[in-house]
Amino acid sequence: MWEALRGQDTAAFARLMGDAVVDVDVSGIKQTSPQSVARYVTGCKTDSYSLSGIRVTRTAATVTISYKAAVEQTCWGQKAPSPLLVMTVYESRGGAWVPVAHSETPAAHWQ
């Protein structure tokens, strides 16, 4: 997904993100649609990203992937927060893993 975002590839990002995903980030809580995904991908310029601390938790029907993302990104003319703590939940449907929930929150800057 990050490569599709960096390349502003709306078709690849939409395919990987899916539709009707519950998405929680600094802009609020929403449910994705093909239109909202396309707006996001074309509205954000991602110069670089790096992922660390990747954790995968799996049950028979779900997979949760969480990690820290450091990004150089500008969305609608504003610098995006970085680093981010990211979590995506996938559900097994018809033999495929489909994203159902996604969350990004700015990481705390204290220790």
PDB file of N, CA and C in Angstrom:
ATOM      1  N   MET A   1       0.825  -1.189   0.000  1.00  0.00           N
ATOM      2  CA  MET A   1       0.000   0.000   0.000  1.00  0.00           C
ATOM      3  C   MET A   1       0.869   1.254   0.000  1.00  0.00           C
ATOM      4  N   TRP A   2       1.969   1.218   0.771  1.00  0.00           N
ATOM      5  CA  TRP A   2       2.818   2.413   0.834  1.00  0.00           C
ATOM      6  C   TRP A   2       3.449   2.721  -0.516  1.00  0.00           C
ATOM      7  N   GLU A   3       3.843   1.696  -1.265  1.00  0.00           N
ATOM      8  CA  GLU A   3       4.421   1.931  -2.598  1.00  0.00           C
ATOM      9  C   GLU A   3       3.372   2.492  -3.539  1.00  0.00           C
ATOM     10  N   ALA A   4       2.157   1.985  -3.465  1.00  0.00           N
ATOM     11  CA  ALA A   4       1.071   2.514  -4.297  1.00  0.00           C
ATOM     12  C   ALA A   4       0.791   3.967  -3.932  1.00  0.00           C
ATOM     13  N   LEU A   5       0.846   4.284  -2.644  1.00  0.00           N
ATOM     14  CA  LEU A   5       0.629   5.663  -2.210  1.00  0.00           C
ATOM     15  C   LEU A   5       1.756   6.563  -2.702  1.00  0.00           C
ATOM     16  N   ARG A   6       2.990   6.108  -2.540  1.00  0.00           N
ATOM     17  CA  ARG A   6       4.125   6.909  -2.990  1.00  0.00           C
ATOM     18  C   ARG A   6       4.055   7.154  -4.496  1.00  0.00           C
ATOM     19  N   GLY A   7       3.637   6.148  -5.261  1.00  0.00           N
ATOM     20  CA  GLY A   7       3.533   6.278  -6.708  1.00  0.00           C
ATOM     21  C   GLY A   7       2.222   6.910  -7.174  1.00  0.00           C
ATOM     22  N   GLN A   8       1.372   7.292  -6.236  1.00  0.00           N
ATOM     23  CA  GLN A   8       0.045   7.847  -6.511  1.00  0.00           C
ATOM     24  C   GLN A   8      -0.741   6.966  -7.483  1.00  0.00           C
ATOM     25  N   ASP A   9      -0.651   5.668  -7.251  1.00  0.00           N
ATOM     26  CA  ASP A   9      -1.337   4.665  -8.067  1.00  0.00           C
ATOM     27  C   ASP A   9      -2.692   4.368  -7.430  1.00  0.00           C
ATOM     28  N   THR A  10      -3.715   5.082  -7.867  1.00  0.00           N
ATOM     29  CA  THR A  10      -5.036   4.959  -7.251  1.00  0.00           C
ATOM     30  C   THR A  10      -5.627   3.562  -7.416  1.00  0.00           C
ATOM     31  N   ALA A  11      -5.420   2.927  -8.561  1.00  0.00           N
ATOM     32  CA  ALA A  11      -5.991   1.597  -8.794  1.00  0.00           C
ATOM     33  C   ALA A  11      -5.364   0.566  -7.858  1.00  0.00           C
ATOM     34  N   ALA A  12      -4.037   0.572  -7.748  1.00  0.00           N
ATOM     35  CA  ALA A  12      -3.362  -0.387  -6.869  1.00  0.00           C
ATOM     36  C   ALA A  12      -3.722  -0.132  -5.409  1.00  0.00           C
ATOM     37  N   PHE A  13      -3.746   1.132  -4.996  1.00  0.00           N
ATOM     38  CA  PHE A  13      -4.067   1.446  -3.609  1.00  0.00           C
ATOM     39  C   PHE A  13      -5.494   1.009  -3.284  1.00  0.00           C
ATOM     40  N   ALA A  14      -6.435   1.280  -4.178  1.00  0.00           N
ATOM     41  CA  ALA A  14      -7.833   0.891  -3.954  1.00  0.00           C
ATOM     42  C   ALA A  14      -7.965  -0.630  -3.872  1.00  0.00           C
ATOM     43  N   ARG A  15      -7.241  -1.346  -4.721  1.00  0.00           N
ATOM     44  CA  ARG A  15      -7.295  -2.812  -4.711  1.00  0.00           C
ATOM     45  C   ARG A  15      -6.755  -3.359  -3.386  1.00  0.00           C
ATOM     46  N   LEU A  16      -5.665  -2.764  -2.899  1.00  0.00           N
ATOM     47  CA  LEU A  16      -5.045  -3.236  -1.665  1.00  0.00           C
ATOM     48  C   LEU A  16      -5.803  -2.796  -0.416  1.00  0.00           C
ATOM     49  N   MET A  17      -6.363  -1.585  -0.442  1.00  0.00           N
ATOM     50  CA  MET A  17      -7.084  -1.066   0.720  1.00  0.00           C
ATOM     51  C   MET A  17      -8.497  -1.625   0.779  1.00  0.00           C
ATOM     52  N   GLY A  18      -9.052  -1.960  -0.359  1.00  0.00           N
ATOM     53  CA  GLY A  18     -10.425  -2.441  -0.375  1.00  0.00           C
ATOM     54  C   GLY A  18     -11.392  -1.277  -0.248  1.00  0.00           C
ATOM     55  N   ASP A  19     -12.662  -1.604  -0.154  1.00  0.00           N
ATOM     56  CA  ASP A  19     -13.647  -0.551   0.052  1.00  0.00           C
ATOM     57  C   ASP A  19     -14.433  -0.887   1.312  1.00  0.00           C
ATOM     58  N   ALA A  20     -15.082   0.099   1.836  1.00  0.00           N
ATOM     59  CA  ALA A  20     -15.885  -0.047   3.057  1.00  0.00           C
ATOM     60  C   ALA A  20     -15.019  -0.427   4.259  1.00  0.00           C
ATOM     61  N   VAL A  21     -13.769   0.047   4.283  1.00  0.00           N
ATOM     62  CA  VAL A  21     -12.888  -0.165   5.425  1.00  0.00           C
ATOM     63  C   VAL A  21     -13.153   0.933   6.438  1.00  0.00           C
ATOM     64  N   VAL A  22     -13.300   0.592   7.702  1.00  0.00           N
ATOM     65  CA  VAL A  22     -13.407   1.603   8.748  1.00  0.00           C
ATOM     66  C   VAL A  22     -12.001   2.175   8.943  1.00  0.00           C
ATOM     67  N   ASP A  23     -11.869   3.481   8.745  1.00  0.00           N
ATOM     68  CA  ASP A  23     -10.569   4.143   8.771  1.00  0.00           C
ATOM     69  C   ASP A  23     -10.581   5.227   9.842  1.00  0.00           C
ATOM     70  N   VAL A  24      -9.602   5.159  10.759  1.00  0.00           N
ATOM     71  CA  VAL A  24      -9.496   6.129  11.846  1.00  0.00           C
ATOM     72  C   VAL A  24      -8.129   6.786  11.750  1.00  0.00           C
ATOM     73  N   ASP A  25      -8.120   8.119  11.608  1.00  0.00           N
ATOM     74  CA  ASP A  25      -6.856   8.862  11.593  1.00  0.00           C
ATOM     75  C   ASP A  25      -7.099  10.260  12.148  1.00  0.00           C
ATOM     76  N   VAL A  26      -6.123  11.142  12.004  1.00  0.00           N
ATOM     77  CA  VAL A  26      -6.244  12.474  12.593  1.00  0.00           C
ATOM     78  C   VAL A  26      -7.389  13.286  12.002  1.00  0.00           C
ATOM     79  N   SER A  27      -7.893  12.882  10.835  1.00  0.00           N
ATOM     80  CA  SER A  27      -9.002  13.617  10.223  1.00  0.00           C
ATOM     81  C   SER A  27     -10.361  13.118  10.691  1.00  0.00           C
ATOM     82  N   GLY A  28     -10.391  12.001  11.419  1.00  0.00           N
ATOM     83  CA  GLY A  28     -11.660  11.505  11.941  1.00  0.00           C
ATOM     84  C   GLY A  28     -11.881  10.034  11.673  1.00  0.00           C
ATOM     85  N   ILE A  29     -13.143   9.623  11.818  1.00  0.00           N
ATOM     86  CA  ILE A  29     -13.557   8.244  11.600  1.00  0.00           C
ATOM     87  C   ILE A  29     -14.431   8.227  10.361  1.00  0.00           C
ATOM     88  N   LYS A  30     -14.075   7.341   9.422  1.00  0.00           N
ATOM     89  CA  LYS A  30     -14.838   7.291   8.183  1.00  0.00           C
ATOM     90  C   LYS A  30     -14.825   5.873   7.628  1.00  0.00           C
ATOM     91  N   GLN A  31     -15.652   5.656   6.637  1.00  0.00           N
ATOM     92  CA  GLN A  31     -15.656   4.397   5.916  1.00  0.00           C
ATOM     93  C   GLN A  31     -15.193   4.706   4.501  1.00  0.00           C
ATOM     94  N   THR A  32     -14.200   3.945   4.034  1.00  0.00           N
ATOM     95  CA  THR A  32     -13.641   4.243   2.725  1.00  0.00           C
ATOM     96  C   THR A  32     -14.607   3.882   1.606  1.00  0.00           C
ATOM     97  N   SER A  33     -14.423   4.568   0.494  1.00  0.00           N
ATOM     98  CA  SER A  33     -15.144   4.299  -0.740  1.00  0.00           C
ATOM     99  C   SER A  33     -14.135   4.456  -1.869  1.00  0.00           C
ATOM    100  N   PRO A  34     -14.427   3.981  -3.058  1.00  0.00           N
ATOM    101  CA  PRO A  34     -13.493   4.194  -4.165  1.00  0.00           C
ATOM    102  C   PRO A  34     -13.170   5.681  -4.379  1.00  0.00           C
ATOM    103  N   GLN A  35     -14.158   6.542  -4.192  1.00  0.00           N
ATOM    104  CA  GLN A  35     -13.950   7.979  -4.369  1.00  0.00           C
ATOM    105  C   GLN A  35     -13.054   8.561  -3.280  1.00  0.00           C
ATOM    106  N   SER A  36     -13.264   8.156  -2.029  1.00  0.00           N
ATOM    107  CA  SER A  36     -12.453   8.709  -0.946  1.00  0.00           C
ATOM    108  C   SER A  36     -11.013   8.216  -1.039  1.00  0.00           C
ATOM    109  N   VAL A  37     -10.817   6.971  -1.462  1.00  0.00           N
ATOM    110  CA  VAL A  37      -9.474   6.434  -1.631  1.00  0.00           C
ATOM    111  C   VAL A  37      -8.747   7.191  -2.736  1.00  0.00           C
ATOM    112  N   ALA A  38      -9.423   7.439  -3.851  1.00  0.00           N
ATOM    113  CA  ALA A  38      -8.803   8.176  -4.961  1.00  0.00           C
ATOM    114  C   ALA A  38      -8.446   9.598  -4.534  1.00  0.00           C
ATOM    115  N   ARG A  39      -9.317  10.259  -3.774  1.00  0.00           N
ATOM    116  CA  ARG A  39      -9.030  11.616  -3.277  1.00  0.00           C
ATOM    117  C   ARG A  39      -7.792  11.622  -2.397  1.00  0.00           C
ATOM    118  N   TYR A  40      -7.684  10.629  -1.524  1.00  0.00           N
ATOM    119  CA  TYR A  40      -6.544  10.539  -0.616  1.00  0.00           C
ATOM    120  C   TYR A  40      -5.244  10.316  -1.391  1.00  0.00           C
ATOM    121  N   VAL A  41      -5.246   9.363  -2.294  1.00  0.00           N
ATOM    122  CA  VAL A  41      -4.034   9.020  -3.037  1.00  0.00           C
ATOM    123  C   VAL A  41      -3.562  10.197  -3.884  1.00  0.00           C
ATOM    124  N   THR A  42      -4.473  10.886  -4.535  1.00  0.00           N
ATOM    125  CA  THR A  42      -4.068  12.010  -5.390  1.00  0.00           C
ATOM    126  C   THR A  42      -3.819  13.284  -4.586  1.00  0.00           C
ATOM    127  N   GLY A  43      -4.358  13.378  -3.373  1.00  0.00           N
ATOM    128  CA  GLY A  43      -4.181  14.568  -2.540  1.00  0.00           C
ATOM    129  C   GLY A  43      -2.918  14.559  -1.711  1.00  0.00           C
ATOM    130  N   CYS A  44      -2.243  13.408  -1.652  1.00  0.00           N
ATOM    131  CA  CYS A  44      -1.041  13.276  -0.827  1.00  0.00           C
ATOM    132  C   CYS A  44       0.176  12.974  -1.695  1.00  0.00           C
ATOM    133  N   LYS A  45       1.247  13.689  -1.410  1.00  0.00           N
ATOM    134  CA  LYS A  45       2.527  13.430  -2.079  1.00  0.00           C
ATOM    135  C   LYS A  45       3.448  12.812  -1.038  1.00  0.00           C
ATOM    136  N   THR A  46       3.821  11.563  -1.269  1.00  0.00           N
ATOM    137  CA  THR A  46       4.680  10.833  -0.348  1.00  0.00           C
ATOM    138  C   THR A  46       6.071  10.744  -0.959  1.00  0.00           C
ATOM    139  N   ASP A  47       7.020  11.463  -0.367  1.00  0.00           N
ATOM    140  CA  ASP A  47       8.391  11.438  -0.874  1.00  0.00           C
ATOM    141  C   ASP A  47       9.132  10.196  -0.413  1.00  0.00           C
ATOM    142  N   SER A  48       8.916   9.795   0.834  1.00  0.00           N
ATOM    143  CA  SER A  48       9.586   8.605   1.356  1.00  0.00           C
ATOM    144  C   SER A  48       8.823   8.074   2.556  1.00  0.00           C
ATOM    145  N   TYR A  49       9.119   6.833   2.890  1.00  0.00           N
ATOM    146  CA  TYR A  49       8.541   6.208   4.079  1.00  0.00           C
ATOM    147  C   TYR A  49       9.465   5.093   4.528  1.00  0.00           C
ATOM    148  N   SER A  50       9.414   4.781   5.806  1.00  0.00           N
ATOM    149  CA  SER A  50      10.105   3.599   6.325  1.00  0.00           C
ATOM    150  C   SER A  50       9.224   2.992   7.412  1.00  0.00           C
ATOM    151  N   LEU A  51       9.236   1.681   7.475  1.00  0.00           N
ATOM    152  CA  LEU A  51       8.402   0.949   8.421  1.00  0.00           C
ATOM    153  C   LEU A  51       9.299   0.199   9.389  1.00  0.00           C
ATOM    154  N   SER A  52       8.907   0.167  10.658  1.00  0.00           N
ATOM    155  CA  SER A  52       9.689  -0.555  11.660  1.00  0.00           C
ATOM    156  C   SER A  52       8.759  -1.175  12.696  1.00  0.00           C
ATOM    157  N   GLY A  53       9.289  -2.118  13.448  1.00  0.00           N
ATOM    158  CA  GLY A  53       8.529  -2.736  14.535  1.00  0.00           C
ATOM    159  C   GLY A  53       7.296  -3.476  14.060  1.00  0.00           C
ATOM    160  N   ILE A  54       7.363  -4.100  12.914  1.00  0.00           N
ATOM    161  CA  ILE A  54       6.188  -4.773  12.346  1.00  0.00           C
ATOM    162  C   ILE A  54       5.813  -5.976  13.204  1.00  0.00           C
ATOM    163  N   ARG A  55       4.537  -6.026  13.572  1.00  0.00           N
ATOM    164  CA  ARG A  55       3.989  -7.132  14.372  1.00  0.00           C
ATOM    165  C   ARG A  55       2.780  -7.699  13.652  1.00  0.00           C
ATOM    166  N   VAL A  56       2.697  -9.010  13.611  1.00  0.00           N
ATOM    167  CA  VAL A  56       1.572  -9.688  12.972  1.00  0.00           C
ATOM    168  C   VAL A  56       0.933 -10.604  14.004  1.00  0.00           C
ATOM    169  N   THR A  57      -0.374 -10.446  14.191  1.00  0.00           N
ATOM    170  CA  THR A  57      -1.139 -11.295  15.095  1.00  0.00           C
ATOM    171  C   THR A  57      -2.221 -11.971  14.265  1.00  0.00           C
ATOM    172  N   ARG A  58      -2.262 -13.302  14.340  1.00  0.00           N
ATOM    173  CA  ARG A  58      -3.189 -14.029  13.474  1.00  0.00           C
ATOM    174  C   ARG A  58      -4.068 -14.979  14.276  1.00  0.00           C
ATOM    175  N   THR A  59      -5.343 -15.007  13.885  1.00  0.00           N
ATOM    176  CA  THR A  59      -6.270 -16.032  14.353  1.00  0.00           C
ATOM    177  C   THR A  59      -6.751 -16.759  13.093  1.00  0.00           C
ATOM    178  N   ALA A  60      -7.685 -17.660  13.253  1.00  0.00           N
ATOM    179  CA  ALA A  60      -8.186 -18.394  12.085  1.00  0.00           C
ATOM    180  C   ALA A  60      -8.867 -17.461  11.079  1.00  0.00           C
ATOM    181  N   ALA A  61      -9.501 -16.407  11.566  1.00  0.00           N
ATOM    182  CA  ALA A  61     -10.299 -15.557  10.672  1.00  0.00           C
ATOM    183  C   ALA A  61      -9.761 -14.139  10.506  1.00  0.00           C
ATOM    184  N   THR A  62      -8.786 -13.722  11.326  1.00  0.00           N
ATOM    185  CA  THR A  62      -8.279 -12.349  11.226  1.00  0.00           C
ATOM    186  C   THR A  62      -6.757 -12.299  11.316  1.00  0.00           C
ATOM    187  N   VAL A  63      -6.219 -11.253  10.725  1.00  0.00           N
ATOM    188  CA  VAL A  63      -4.806 -10.916  10.865  1.00  0.00           C
ATOM    189  C   VAL A  63      -4.751  -9.430  11.189  1.00  0.00           C
ATOM    190  N   THR A  64      -3.984  -9.089  12.215  1.00  0.00           N
ATOM    191  CA  THR A  64      -3.762  -7.689  12.567  1.00  0.00           C
ATOM    192  C   THR A  64      -2.286  -7.386  12.352  1.00  0.00           C
ATOM    193  N   ILE A  65      -2.012  -6.367  11.556  1.00  0.00           N
ATOM    194  CA  ILE A  65      -0.645  -5.939  11.298  1.00  0.00           C
ATOM    195  C   ILE A  65      -0.487  -4.548  11.894  1.00  0.00           C
ATOM    196  N   SER A  66       0.534  -4.377  12.739  1.00  0.00           N
ATOM    197  CA  SER A  66       0.797  -3.070  13.340  1.00  0.00           C
ATOM    198  C   SER A  66       2.276  -2.749  13.182  1.00  0.00           C
ATOM    199  N   TYR A  67       2.583  -1.457  13.083  1.00  0.00           N
ATOM    200  CA  TYR A  67       3.963  -1.023  12.883  1.00  0.00           C
ATOM    201  C   TYR A  67       4.068   0.481  13.070  1.00  0.00           C
ATOM    202  N   LYS A  68       5.293   0.958  13.066  1.00  0.00           N
ATOM    203  CA  LYS A  68       5.590   2.382  13.115  1.00  0.00           C
ATOM    204  C   LYS A  68       6.024   2.808  11.717  1.00  0.00           C
ATOM    205  N   ALA A  69       5.469   3.903  11.226  1.00  0.00           N
ATOM    206  CA  ALA A  69       5.819   4.425   9.904  1.00  0.00           C
ATOM    207  C   ALA A  69       6.380   5.836  10.047  1.00  0.00           C
ATOM    208  N   ALA A  70       7.571   6.038   9.512  1.00  0.00           N
ATOM    209  CA  ALA A  70       8.145   7.386   9.415  1.00  0.00           C
ATOM    210  C   ALA A  70       7.917   7.826   7.979  1.00  0.00           C
ATOM    211  N   VAL A  71       7.291   8.984   7.794  1.00  0.00           N
ATOM    212  CA  VAL A  71       6.924   9.423   6.443  1.00  0.00           C
ATOM    213  C   VAL A  71       7.349  10.858   6.185  1.00  0.00           C
ATOM    214  N   GLU A  72       7.732  11.103   4.963  1.00  0.00           N
ATOM    215  CA  GLU A  72       7.884  12.458   4.433  1.00  0.00           C
ATOM    216  C   GLU A  72       6.730  12.610   3.466  1.00  0.00           C
ATOM    217  N   GLN A  73       5.685  13.313   3.910  1.00  0.00           N
ATOM    218  CA  GLN A  73       4.446  13.347   3.146  1.00  0.00           C
ATOM    219  C   GLN A  73       3.769  14.700   3.326  1.00  0.00           C
ATOM    220  N   THR A  74       3.172  15.184   2.259  1.00  0.00           N
ATOM    221  CA  THR A  74       2.371  16.401   2.289  1.00  0.00           C
ATOM    222  C   THR A  74       0.996  16.064   1.728  1.00  0.00           C
ATOM    223  N   CYS A  75      -0.041  16.383   2.483  1.00  0.00           N
ATOM    224  CA  CYS A  75      -1.415  16.123   2.044  1.00  0.00           C
ATOM    225  C   CYS A  75      -2.176  17.443   2.009  1.00  0.00           C
ATOM    226  N   TRP A  76      -2.695  17.761   0.850  1.00  0.00           N
ATOM    227  CA  TRP A  76      -3.459  18.985   0.628  1.00  0.00           C
ATOM    228  C   TRP A  76      -2.697  20.211   1.132  1.00  0.00           C
ATOM    229  N   GLY A  77      -1.401  20.219   0.845  1.00  0.00           N
ATOM    230  CA  GLY A  77      -0.562  21.363   1.179  1.00  0.00           C
ATOM    231  C   GLY A  77      -0.055  21.406   2.612  1.00  0.00           C
ATOM    232  N   GLN A  78      -0.392  20.419   3.433  1.00  0.00           N
ATOM    233  CA  GLN A  78       0.052  20.399   4.827  1.00  0.00           C
ATOM    234  C   GLN A  78       0.957  19.194   5.067  1.00  0.00           C
ATOM    235  N   LYS A  79       2.036  19.421   5.831  1.00  0.00           N
ATOM    236  CA  LYS A  79       2.948  18.329   6.173  1.00  0.00           C
ATOM    237  C   LYS A  79       2.209  17.329   7.059  1.00  0.00           C
ATOM    238  N   ALA A  80       2.296  16.066   6.677  1.00  0.00           N
ATOM    239  CA  ALA A  80       1.633  15.009   7.437  1.00  0.00           C
ATOM    240  C   ALA A  80       2.421  14.709   8.710  1.00  0.00           C
ATOM    241  N   PRO A  81       1.736  14.291   9.782  1.00  0.00           N
ATOM    242  CA  PRO A  81       2.447  13.940  11.008  1.00  0.00           C
ATOM    243  C   PRO A  81       3.340  12.712  10.790  1.00  0.00           C
ATOM    244  N   SER A  82       4.441  12.691  11.506  1.00  0.00           N
ATOM    245  CA  SER A  82       5.371  11.568  11.439  1.00  0.00           C
ATOM    246  C   SER A  82       6.204  11.566  12.711  1.00  0.00           C
ATOM    247  N   PRO A  83       6.464  10.419  13.293  1.00  0.00           N
ATOM    248  CA  PRO A  83       6.074   9.088  12.851  1.00  0.00           C
ATOM    249  C   PRO A  83       4.625   8.777  13.213  1.00  0.00           C
ATOM    250  N   LEU A  84       4.105   7.727  12.597  1.00  0.00           N
ATOM    251  CA  LEU A  84       2.749   7.260  12.828  1.00  0.00           C
ATOM    252  C   LEU A  84       2.776   5.855  13.403  1.00  0.00           C
ATOM    253  N   LEU A  85       1.808   5.542  14.224  1.00  0.00           N
ATOM    254  CA  LEU A  85       1.561   4.168  14.652  1.00  0.00           C
ATOM    255  C   LEU A  85       0.385   3.683  13.812  1.00  0.00           C
ATOM    256  N   VAL A  86       0.556   2.572  13.127  1.00  0.00           N
ATOM    257  CA  VAL A  86      -0.419   2.114  12.131  1.00  0.00           C
ATOM    258  C   VAL A  86      -0.903   0.709  12.491  1.00  0.00           C
ATOM    259  N   MET A  87      -2.188   0.469  12.261  1.00  0.00           N
ATOM    260  CA  MET A  87      -2.753  -0.859  12.469  1.00  0.00           C
ATOM    261  C   MET A  87      -3.782  -1.128  11.375  1.00  0.00           C
ATOM    262  N   THR A  88      -3.684  -2.300  10.757  1.00  0.00           N
ATOM    263  CA  THR A  88      -4.683  -2.730   9.781  1.00  0.00           C
ATOM    264  C   THR A  88      -5.155  -4.119  10.172  1.00  0.00           C
ATOM    265  N   VAL A  89      -6.469  -4.323  10.143  1.00  0.00           N
ATOM    266  CA  VAL A  89      -7.070  -5.616  10.464  1.00  0.00           C
ATOM    267  C   VAL A  89      -7.629  -6.207   9.171  1.00  0.00           C
ATOM    268  N   TYR A  90      -7.234  -7.439   8.906  1.00  0.00           N
ATOM    269  CA  TYR A  90      -7.705  -8.167   7.718  1.00  0.00           C
ATOM    270  C   TYR A  90      -8.575  -9.324   8.169  1.00  0.00           C
ATOM    271  N   GLU A  91      -9.590  -9.635   7.358  1.00  0.00           N
ATOM    272  CA  GLU A  91     -10.497 -10.738   7.639  1.00  0.00           C
ATOM    273  C   GLU A  91     -10.444 -11.724   6.475  1.00  0.00           C
ATOM    274  N   SER A  92     -10.455 -13.005   6.774  1.00  0.00           N
ATOM    275  CA  SER A  92     -10.457 -14.021   5.735  1.00  0.00           C
ATOM    276  C   SER A  92     -11.862 -14.129   5.143  1.00  0.00           C
ATOM    277  N   ARG A  93     -11.926 -13.882   3.818  1.00  0.00           N
ATOM    278  CA  ARG A  93     -13.216 -13.961   3.116  1.00  0.00           C
ATOM    279  C   ARG A  93     -13.002 -14.679   1.791  1.00  0.00           C
ATOM    280  N   GLY A  94     -13.612 -15.817   1.637  1.00  0.00           N
ATOM    281  CA  GLY A  94     -13.523 -16.542   0.369  1.00  0.00           C
ATOM    282  C   GLY A  94     -12.104 -16.869  -0.044  1.00  0.00           C
ATOM    283  N   GLY A  95     -11.250 -17.165   0.920  1.00  0.00           N
ATOM    284  CA  GLY A  95      -9.878 -17.529   0.610  1.00  0.00           C
ATOM    285  C   GLY A  95      -8.929 -16.354   0.414  1.00  0.00           C
ATOM    286  N   ALA A  96      -9.409 -15.136   0.627  1.00  0.00           N
ATOM    287  CA  ALA A  96      -8.554 -13.952   0.485  1.00  0.00           C
ATOM    288  C   ALA A  96      -8.589 -13.149   1.782  1.00  0.00           C
ATOM    289  N   TRP A  97      -7.496 -12.419   2.058  1.00  0.00           N
ATOM    290  CA  TRP A  97      -7.430 -11.542   3.224  1.00  0.00           C
ATOM    291  C   TRP A  97      -7.870 -10.146   2.794  1.00  0.00           C
ATOM    292  N   VAL A  98      -8.967  -9.682   3.378  1.00  0.00           N
ATOM    293  CA  VAL A  98      -9.587  -8.408   3.007  1.00  0.00           C
ATOM    294  C   VAL A  98      -9.461  -7.431   4.176  1.00  0.00           C
ATOM    295  N   PRO A  99      -8.957  -6.204   3.933  1.00  0.00           N
ATOM    296  CA  PRO A  99      -8.875  -5.246   5.036  1.00  0.00           C
ATOM    297  C   PRO A  99     -10.269  -4.788   5.461  1.00  0.00           C
ATOM    298  N   VAL A 100     -10.483  -4.731   6.789  1.00  0.00           N
ATOM    299  CA  VAL A 100     -11.775  -4.295   7.317  1.00  0.00           C
ATOM    300  C   VAL A 100     -11.654  -3.078   8.225  1.00  0.00           C
ATOM    301  N   ALA A 101     -10.440  -2.843   8.773  1.00  0.00           N
ATOM    302  CA  ALA A 101     -10.237  -1.687   9.651  1.00  0.00           C
ATOM    303  C   ALA A 101      -8.790  -1.231   9.528  1.00  0.00           C
ATOM    304  N   HIS A 102      -8.607   0.094   9.581  1.00  0.00           N
ATOM    305  CA  HIS A 102      -7.279   0.687   9.455  1.00  0.00           C
ATOM    306  C   HIS A 102      -7.218   1.905  10.366  1.00  0.00           C
ATOM    307  N   SER A 103      -6.094   2.068  11.052  1.00  0.00           N
ATOM    308  CA  SER A 103      -5.942   3.205  11.955  1.00  0.00           C
ATOM    309  C   SER A 103      -4.523   3.741  11.882  1.00  0.00           C
ATOM    310  N   GLU A 104      -4.401   5.052  11.898  1.00  0.00           N
ATOM    311  CA  GLU A 104      -3.093   5.726  11.970  1.00  0.00           C
ATOM    312  C   GLU A 104      -3.196   6.814  13.020  1.00  0.00           C
ATOM    313  N   THR A 105      -2.230   6.857  13.906  1.00  0.00           N
ATOM    314  CA  THR A 105      -2.202   7.906  14.918  1.00  0.00           C
ATOM    315  C   THR A 105      -0.777   8.399  15.078  1.00  0.00           C
ATOM    316  N   PRO A 106      -0.586   9.707  15.240  1.00  0.00           N
ATOM    317  CA  PRO A 106       0.772  10.205  15.451  1.00  0.00           C
ATOM    318  C   PRO A 106       1.374   9.607  16.722  1.00  0.00           C
ATOM    319  N   ALA A 107       2.628   9.198  16.632  1.00  0.00           N
ATOM    320  CA  ALA A 107       3.319   8.629  17.789  1.00  0.00           C
ATOM    321  C   ALA A 107       3.635   9.744  18.783  1.00  0.00           C
ATOM    322  N   ALA A 108       3.618   9.414  20.055  1.00  0.00           N
ATOM    323  CA  ALA A 108       3.963  10.388  21.087  1.00  0.00           C
ATOM    324  C   ALA A 108       5.424  10.780  20.962  1.00  0.00           C
ATOM    325  N   HIS A 109       5.738  12.008  21.311  1.00  0.00           N
ATOM    326  CA  HIS A 109       7.104  12.504  21.193  1.00  0.00           C
ATOM    327  C   HIS A 109       7.800  12.599  22.547  1.00  0.00           C
ATOM    328  N   TRP A 110       7.258  11.924  23.544  1.00  0.00           N
ATOM    329  CA  TRP A 110       7.932  11.877  24.848  1.00  0.00           C
ATOM    330  C   TRP A 110       8.313  10.433  25.125  1.00  0.00           C
ATOM    331  N   GLN A 111       9.172  10.253  26.109  1.00  0.00           N
ATOM    332  CA  GLN A 111       9.598   8.891  26.412  1.00  0.00           C
ATOM    333  C   GLN A 111       9.226   8.513  27.815  1.00  0.00           C
TER     334      GLN A 111
END
